[in-house]
Amino acid sequence: MSQDRFQTSREVYHRIRWDPRIDAHDFVIGYDTHGEQLEEVGFTSFVPEGDIPWHRVWYFRRGHERIWDRRERVDRTASLGAPDGVL
């Protein structure tokens, strides 16, 4: 991925959703509810174009690792679906 362009939450969602090498059940989505803390929803429970707009999605997490984080500008999606140790 180019250093100049950061993927959108929608693009990351669709990568996880449609890549057959990735198990979407392993992911959660962190989003802003305008409360004091971010909340999370399981990836498979998230409804695109539903109650949570794309601009409120702040991160995608697998286990304890944030794969994509808008605030921290982290994007590890290139390694998703790759064999262990291969990027």
N, C-alpha and C. Protein backbone atom coordinates (compact mmCIF):
# COMPACT_ATOMS: atom_id res chain seq x y z
N MET A 1 0.84 -1.18 0.00
CA MET A 1 0.00 0.00 0.00
C MET A 1 0.88 1.24 0.00
N SER A 2 0.48 2.22 -0.71
CA SER A 2 1.23 3.47 -0.78
C SER A 2 1.20 4.18 0.57
N GLN A 3 2.30 4.84 0.90
CA GLN A 3 2.37 5.60 2.14
C GLN A 3 1.48 6.83 2.07
N ASP A 4 1.13 7.26 0.87
CA ASP A 4 0.35 8.49 0.71
C ASP A 4 -1.13 8.30 1.01
N ARG A 5 -1.63 7.10 0.86
CA ARG A 5 -3.06 6.87 1.00
C ARG A 5 -3.35 5.86 2.11
N PHE A 6 -4.21 6.24 3.02
CA PHE A 6 -4.63 5.37 4.11
C PHE A 6 -5.99 4.78 3.75
N GLN A 7 -6.12 3.47 3.84
CA GLN A 7 -7.38 2.82 3.49
C GLN A 7 -8.52 3.30 4.38
N THR A 8 -9.71 3.33 3.82
CA THR A 8 -10.89 3.70 4.60
C THR A 8 -11.40 2.50 5.37
N SER A 9 -12.23 2.76 6.37
CA SER A 9 -12.83 1.66 7.14
C SER A 9 -13.68 0.78 6.24
N ARG A 10 -14.34 1.36 5.28
CA ARG A 10 -15.16 0.58 4.34
C ARG A 10 -14.28 -0.39 3.53
N GLU A 11 -13.15 0.09 3.06
CA GLU A 11 -12.24 -0.77 2.28
C GLU A 11 -11.71 -1.93 3.13
N VAL A 12 -11.35 -1.64 4.37
CA VAL A 12 -10.85 -2.68 5.26
C VAL A 12 -11.96 -3.69 5.54
N TYR A 13 -13.15 -3.21 5.81
CA TYR A 13 -14.28 -4.11 6.05
C TYR A 13 -14.46 -5.08 4.89
N HIS A 14 -14.48 -4.56 3.68
CA HIS A 14 -14.72 -5.41 2.51
C HIS A 14 -13.56 -6.37 2.25
N ARG A 15 -12.35 -5.94 2.57
CA ARG A 15 -11.21 -6.86 2.45
C ARG A 15 -11.40 -8.05 3.38
N ILE A 16 -11.74 -7.79 4.63
CA ILE A 16 -11.95 -8.87 5.60
C ILE A 16 -13.15 -9.72 5.21
N ARG A 17 -14.20 -9.08 4.79
CA ARG A 17 -15.46 -9.78 4.47
C ARG A 17 -15.32 -10.71 3.28
N TRP A 18 -14.61 -10.29 2.24
CA TRP A 18 -14.62 -11.03 0.98
C TRP A 18 -13.37 -11.84 0.69
N ASP A 19 -12.30 -11.67 1.45
CA ASP A 19 -11.09 -12.45 1.21
C ASP A 19 -11.29 -13.85 1.80
N PRO A 20 -11.29 -14.89 0.97
CA PRO A 20 -11.57 -16.24 1.48
C PRO A 20 -10.49 -16.78 2.41
N ARG A 21 -9.33 -16.14 2.46
CA ARG A 21 -8.24 -16.59 3.33
C ARG A 21 -8.38 -16.05 4.75
N ILE A 22 -9.34 -15.16 4.97
CA ILE A 22 -9.49 -14.47 6.26
C ILE A 22 -10.78 -14.95 6.94
N ASP A 23 -10.68 -15.30 8.21
CA ASP A 23 -11.85 -15.69 8.99
C ASP A 23 -12.42 -14.45 9.69
N ALA A 24 -13.51 -13.94 9.17
CA ALA A 24 -14.11 -12.71 9.69
C ALA A 24 -14.55 -12.85 11.15
N HIS A 25 -14.80 -14.07 11.60
CA HIS A 25 -15.23 -14.28 12.98
C HIS A 25 -14.15 -13.92 13.99
N ASP A 26 -12.91 -13.79 13.53
CA ASP A 26 -11.79 -13.45 14.42
C ASP A 26 -11.70 -11.96 14.74
N PHE A 27 -12.51 -11.13 14.10
CA PHE A 27 -12.37 -9.68 14.18
C PHE A 27 -13.48 -9.01 14.97
N VAL A 28 -13.12 -7.88 15.57
CA VAL A 28 -14.11 -6.97 16.15
C VAL A 28 -13.84 -5.58 15.59
N ILE A 29 -14.88 -4.77 15.62
CA ILE A 29 -14.80 -3.41 15.10
C ILE A 29 -15.02 -2.45 16.26
N GLY A 30 -14.10 -1.51 16.42
CA GLY A 30 -14.23 -0.47 17.44
C GLY A 30 -14.82 0.78 16.83
N TYR A 31 -15.81 1.33 17.49
CA TYR A 31 -16.50 2.49 16.94
C TYR A 31 -16.85 3.50 18.02
N ASP A 32 -17.06 4.73 17.58
CA ASP A 32 -17.37 5.85 18.45
C ASP A 32 -18.88 5.99 18.61
N THR A 33 -19.33 6.04 19.87
CA THR A 33 -20.75 6.22 20.16
C THR A 33 -21.02 7.62 20.71
N HIS A 34 -20.02 8.46 20.64
CA HIS A 34 -20.05 9.80 21.23
C HIS A 34 -20.09 9.73 22.75
N GLY A 35 -19.71 8.59 23.31
CA GLY A 35 -19.59 8.45 24.75
C GLY A 35 -18.15 8.68 25.16
N GLU A 36 -17.81 8.30 26.38
CA GLU A 36 -16.46 8.51 26.86
C GLU A 36 -15.48 7.49 26.32
N GLN A 37 -15.98 6.30 25.97
CA GLN A 37 -15.11 5.25 25.47
C GLN A 37 -15.64 4.72 24.14
N LEU A 38 -14.73 4.13 23.37
CA LEU A 38 -15.16 3.45 22.16
C LEU A 38 -15.84 2.15 22.54
N GLU A 39 -16.75 1.71 21.73
CA GLU A 39 -17.41 0.42 21.95
C GLU A 39 -17.01 -0.52 20.83
N GLU A 40 -17.27 -1.81 21.03
CA GLU A 40 -16.92 -2.80 20.03
C GLU A 40 -18.12 -3.65 19.66
N VAL A 41 -18.09 -4.13 18.43
CA VAL A 41 -19.10 -5.04 17.93
C VAL A 41 -18.36 -6.12 17.15
N GLY A 42 -18.83 -7.36 17.26
CA GLY A 42 -18.24 -8.43 16.49
C GLY A 42 -18.37 -8.14 14.99
N PHE A 43 -17.35 -8.51 14.24
CA PHE A 43 -17.34 -8.21 12.81
C PHE A 43 -18.60 -8.74 12.12
N THR A 44 -18.97 -9.95 12.43
CA THR A 44 -20.12 -10.56 11.75
C THR A 44 -21.46 -9.97 12.20
N SER A 45 -21.46 -9.21 13.30
CA SER A 45 -22.68 -8.54 13.76
C SER A 45 -22.82 -7.13 13.19
N PHE A 46 -21.75 -6.60 12.62
CA PHE A 46 -21.76 -5.27 12.05
C PHE A 46 -22.59 -5.27 10.76
N VAL A 47 -23.44 -4.26 10.62
CA VAL A 47 -24.29 -4.13 9.43
C VAL A 47 -23.81 -2.92 8.63
N PRO A 48 -23.18 -3.17 7.47
CA PRO A 48 -22.76 -2.03 6.64
C PRO A 48 -23.96 -1.17 6.27
N GLU A 49 -23.76 0.12 6.28
CA GLU A 49 -24.83 1.08 5.98
C GLU A 49 -25.96 1.00 7.01
N GLY A 50 -25.66 0.44 8.19
CA GLY A 50 -26.66 0.32 9.24
C GLY A 50 -26.57 1.45 10.24
N ASP A 51 -26.72 1.12 11.53
CA ASP A 51 -26.75 2.14 12.59
C ASP A 51 -25.40 2.81 12.85
N ILE A 52 -24.31 2.14 12.50
CA ILE A 52 -22.98 2.71 12.74
C ILE A 52 -22.42 3.19 11.41
N PRO A 53 -22.32 4.51 11.23
CA PRO A 53 -21.77 5.01 9.97
C PRO A 53 -20.27 4.75 9.87
N TRP A 54 -19.77 4.67 8.66
CA TRP A 54 -18.36 4.36 8.42
C TRP A 54 -17.43 5.34 9.12
N HIS A 55 -17.78 6.60 9.18
CA HIS A 55 -16.87 7.58 9.79
C HIS A 55 -16.76 7.42 11.30
N ARG A 56 -17.61 6.60 11.90
CA ARG A 56 -17.51 6.33 13.34
C ARG A 56 -16.66 5.10 13.66
N VAL A 57 -16.27 4.34 12.62
CA VAL A 57 -15.42 3.15 12.82
C VAL A 57 -13.98 3.63 13.00
N TRP A 58 -13.37 3.23 14.13
CA TRP A 58 -12.01 3.68 14.45
C TRP A 58 -10.96 2.60 14.32
N TYR A 59 -11.34 1.33 14.51
CA TYR A 59 -10.33 0.27 14.38
C TYR A 59 -10.97 -1.08 14.10
N PHE A 60 -10.12 -1.98 13.59
CA PHE A 60 -10.45 -3.39 13.42
C PHE A 60 -9.40 -4.14 14.22
N ARG A 61 -9.85 -5.07 15.05
CA ARG A 61 -8.94 -5.79 15.93
C ARG A 61 -9.13 -7.29 15.73
N ARG A 62 -8.01 -8.02 15.73
CA ARG A 62 -8.03 -9.48 15.74
C ARG A 62 -7.26 -9.91 16.96
N GLY A 63 -7.93 -10.55 17.90
CA GLY A 63 -7.29 -10.86 19.18
C GLY A 63 -6.95 -9.56 19.88
N HIS A 64 -5.71 -9.42 20.29
CA HIS A 64 -5.27 -8.19 20.96
C HIS A 64 -4.60 -7.22 20.00
N GLU A 65 -4.48 -7.61 18.74
CA GLU A 65 -3.76 -6.78 17.77
C GLU A 65 -4.72 -5.94 16.92
N ARG A 66 -4.46 -4.66 16.90
CA ARG A 66 -5.23 -3.78 16.01
C ARG A 66 -4.64 -3.89 14.61
N ILE A 67 -5.42 -4.39 13.71
CA ILE A 67 -5.00 -4.59 12.33
C ILE A 67 -5.07 -3.27 11.56
N TRP A 68 -6.05 -2.47 11.89
CA TRP A 68 -6.23 -1.15 11.26
C TRP A 68 -6.74 -0.21 12.34
N ASP A 69 -6.09 0.95 12.44
CA ASP A 69 -6.47 1.92 13.47
C ASP A 69 -6.37 3.32 12.86
N ARG A 70 -7.50 3.96 12.71
CA ARG A 70 -7.54 5.28 12.08
C ARG A 70 -6.77 6.32 12.90
N ARG A 71 -6.95 6.34 14.21
CA ARG A 71 -6.32 7.35 15.06
C ARG A 71 -4.79 7.22 15.04
N GLU A 72 -4.30 5.99 15.15
CA GLU A 72 -2.86 5.74 15.19
C GLU A 72 -2.24 5.60 13.80
N ARG A 73 -3.06 5.61 12.77
CA ARG A 73 -2.61 5.45 11.38
C ARG A 73 -1.86 4.13 11.20
N VAL A 74 -2.43 3.06 11.76
CA VAL A 74 -1.87 1.71 11.64
C VAL A 74 -2.68 0.96 10.60
N ASP A 75 -1.97 0.33 9.66
CA ASP A 75 -2.63 -0.50 8.65
C ASP A 75 -1.79 -1.74 8.42
N ARG A 76 -2.22 -2.85 9.00
CA ARG A 76 -1.53 -4.12 8.85
C ARG A 76 -2.31 -5.07 7.95
N THR A 77 -3.20 -4.54 7.15
CA THR A 77 -4.05 -5.39 6.33
C THR A 77 -3.28 -6.13 5.25
N ALA A 78 -2.10 -5.66 4.87
CA ALA A 78 -1.31 -6.36 3.86
C ALA A 78 -0.94 -7.76 4.30
N SER A 79 -0.83 -7.98 5.61
CA SER A 79 -0.45 -9.30 6.12
C SER A 79 -1.65 -10.23 6.32
N LEU A 80 -2.86 -9.72 6.18
CA LEU A 80 -4.04 -10.56 6.37
C LEU A 80 -4.12 -11.62 5.28
N GLY A 81 -4.33 -12.85 5.68
CA GLY A 81 -4.48 -13.93 4.72
C GLY A 81 -3.17 -14.49 4.20
N ALA A 82 -2.05 -13.85 4.55
CA ALA A 82 -0.75 -14.33 4.10
C ALA A 82 -0.31 -15.51 4.98
N PRO A 83 0.45 -16.45 4.43
CA PRO A 83 0.97 -17.53 5.27
C PRO A 83 1.83 -16.95 6.38
N ASP A 84 1.95 -17.68 7.48
CA ASP A 84 2.72 -17.19 8.63
C ASP A 84 4.12 -16.74 8.21
N GLY A 85 4.48 -15.54 8.63
CA GLY A 85 5.80 -15.01 8.36
C GLY A 85 5.97 -14.38 6.99
N VAL A 86 4.92 -14.40 6.17
CA VAL A 86 5.02 -13.84 4.83
C VAL A 86 4.13 -12.63 4.75
N LEU A 87 4.67 -11.50 4.28
CA LEU A 87 3.87 -10.30 4.08
C LEU A 87 3.60 -10.07 2.64
